[in-house]
Amino acid sequence: MIFPLEKLIRFKDNIYQITCAASHRAYQLSMVHDEQIDEHDGKVVSLAAEQLFSNEVQYRIEQ
């Protein structure tokens, strides 16, 4: 799996926010050694981005 560029291009919200969310999610996945990482050839950021774009994982920006 590679970073979902086609979904990124079609994304209409704030790119900075979803980039930060993907970074935080990738960190979470790597800290708990999620088994899905192996299914994505160790590409943690791609996995995190795919989870966010598919709404498998929700995010919000706290003030």
C-alpha atoms as a PDB file:
ATOM      1  CA  MET A   1       0.000   0.000   0.000  1.00  0.00           C
ATOM      2  CA  ILE A   2       1.248   3.462  -0.822  1.00  0.00           C
ATOM      3  CA  PHE A   3       0.053   6.818   0.447  1.00  0.00           C
ATOM      4  CA  PRO A   4      -3.446   7.344  -1.023  1.00  0.00           C
ATOM      5  CA  LEU A   5      -2.634  10.291  -3.300  1.00  0.00           C
ATOM      6  CA  GLU A   6      -5.904  10.095  -5.212  1.00  0.00           C
ATOM      7  CA  LYS A   7      -7.824  10.498  -1.952  1.00  0.00           C
ATOM      8  CA  LEU A   8      -5.545  13.335  -0.901  1.00  0.00           C
ATOM      9  CA  ILE A   9      -6.208  15.158  -4.172  1.00  0.00           C
ATOM     10  CA  ARG A  10      -9.975  14.825  -3.707  1.00  0.00           C
ATOM     11  CA  PHE A  11      -9.812  15.853  -0.035  1.00  0.00           C
ATOM     12  CA  LYS A  12     -11.698  19.133   0.468  1.00  0.00           C
ATOM     13  CA  ASP A  13     -10.917  19.893   4.118  1.00  0.00           C
ATOM     14  CA  ASN A  14      -7.749  21.246   5.709  1.00  0.00           C
ATOM     15  CA  ILE A  15      -4.729  19.294   4.424  1.00  0.00           C
ATOM     16  CA  TYR A  16      -2.575  20.429   7.351  1.00  0.00           C
ATOM     17  CA  GLN A  17      -5.056  19.002   9.859  1.00  0.00           C
ATOM     18  CA  ILE A  18      -5.292  15.580   8.247  1.00  0.00           C
ATOM     19  CA  THR A  19      -1.502  15.491   7.867  1.00  0.00           C
ATOM     20  CA  CYS A  20      -1.111  16.138  11.601  1.00  0.00           C
ATOM     21  CA  ALA A  21      -3.788  13.539  12.341  1.00  0.00           C
ATOM     22  CA  ALA A  22      -2.001  10.962  10.156  1.00  0.00           C
ATOM     23  CA  SER A  23       1.270  11.670  11.931  1.00  0.00           C
ATOM     24  CA  HIS A  24      -0.316  11.198  15.356  1.00  0.00           C
ATOM     25  CA  ARG A  25      -2.143   8.050  14.230  1.00  0.00           C
ATOM     26  CA  ALA A  26       1.058   6.586  12.777  1.00  0.00           C
ATOM     27  CA  TYR A  27       2.760   7.177  16.116  1.00  0.00           C
ATOM     28  CA  GLN A  28      -0.112   5.423  17.936  1.00  0.00           C
ATOM     29  CA  LEU A  29       0.043   2.442  15.592  1.00  0.00           C
ATOM     30  CA  SER A  30       3.787   2.069  15.966  1.00  0.00           C
ATOM     31  CA  MET A  31       3.671   2.334  19.763  1.00  0.00           C
ATOM     32  CA  VAL A  32       1.143  -0.495  20.106  1.00  0.00           C
ATOM     33  CA  HIS A  33       2.783  -2.565  17.344  1.00  0.00           C
ATOM     34  CA  ASP A  34      -0.515  -2.943  15.507  1.00  0.00           C
ATOM     35  CA  GLU A  35      -0.664  -6.127  13.426  1.00  0.00           C
ATOM     36  CA  GLN A  36      -2.039  -4.200  10.429  1.00  0.00           C
ATOM     37  CA  ILE A  37       1.424  -2.662   9.990  1.00  0.00           C
ATOM     38  CA  ASP A  38       2.760  -5.978   8.709  1.00  0.00           C
ATOM     39  CA  GLU A  39      -0.154  -6.251   6.287  1.00  0.00           C
ATOM     40  CA  HIS A  40       0.928  -2.874   4.827  1.00  0.00           C
ATOM     41  CA  ASP A  41       4.609  -3.831   4.428  1.00  0.00           C
ATOM     42  CA  GLY A  42       5.598  -1.763   7.459  1.00  0.00           C
ATOM     43  CA  LYS A  43       4.302   1.486   5.969  1.00  0.00           C
ATOM     44  CA  VAL A  44       2.837   3.013   9.113  1.00  0.00           C
ATOM     45  CA  VAL A  45       2.073   6.471   7.714  1.00  0.00           C
ATOM     46  CA  SER A  46       0.279   5.000   4.704  1.00  0.00           C
ATOM     47  CA  LEU A  47      -1.803   2.809   6.994  1.00  0.00           C
ATOM     48  CA  ALA A  48      -2.665   5.767   9.214  1.00  0.00           C
ATOM     49  CA  ALA A  49      -3.636   7.916   6.222  1.00  0.00           C
ATOM     50  CA  GLU A  50      -5.796   5.146   4.769  1.00  0.00           C
ATOM     51  CA  GLN A  51      -7.590   4.758   8.115  1.00  0.00           C
ATOM     52  CA  LEU A  52      -8.300   8.483   8.225  1.00  0.00           C
ATOM     53  CA  PHE A  53      -9.437   8.833   4.605  1.00  0.00           C
ATOM     54  CA  SER A  54     -11.728   5.802   4.892  1.00  0.00           C
ATOM     55  CA  ASN A  55     -13.188   7.152   8.168  1.00  0.00           C
ATOM     56  CA  GLU A  56     -12.125   3.988   9.978  1.00  0.00           C
ATOM     57  CA  VAL A  57     -10.534   6.381  12.471  1.00  0.00           C
ATOM     58  CA  GLN A  58     -12.021   9.784  13.287  1.00  0.00           C
ATOM     59  CA  TYR A  59     -10.011  12.840  14.313  1.00  0.00           C
ATOM     60  CA  ARG A  60     -10.725  16.269  15.736  1.00  0.00           C
ATOM     61  CA  ILE A  61      -8.606  19.294  16.388  1.00  0.00           C
ATOM     62  CA  GLU A  62      -8.623  20.460  19.981  1.00  0.00           C
ATOM     63  CA  GLN A  63      -8.127  24.122  20.737  1.00  0.00           C
END
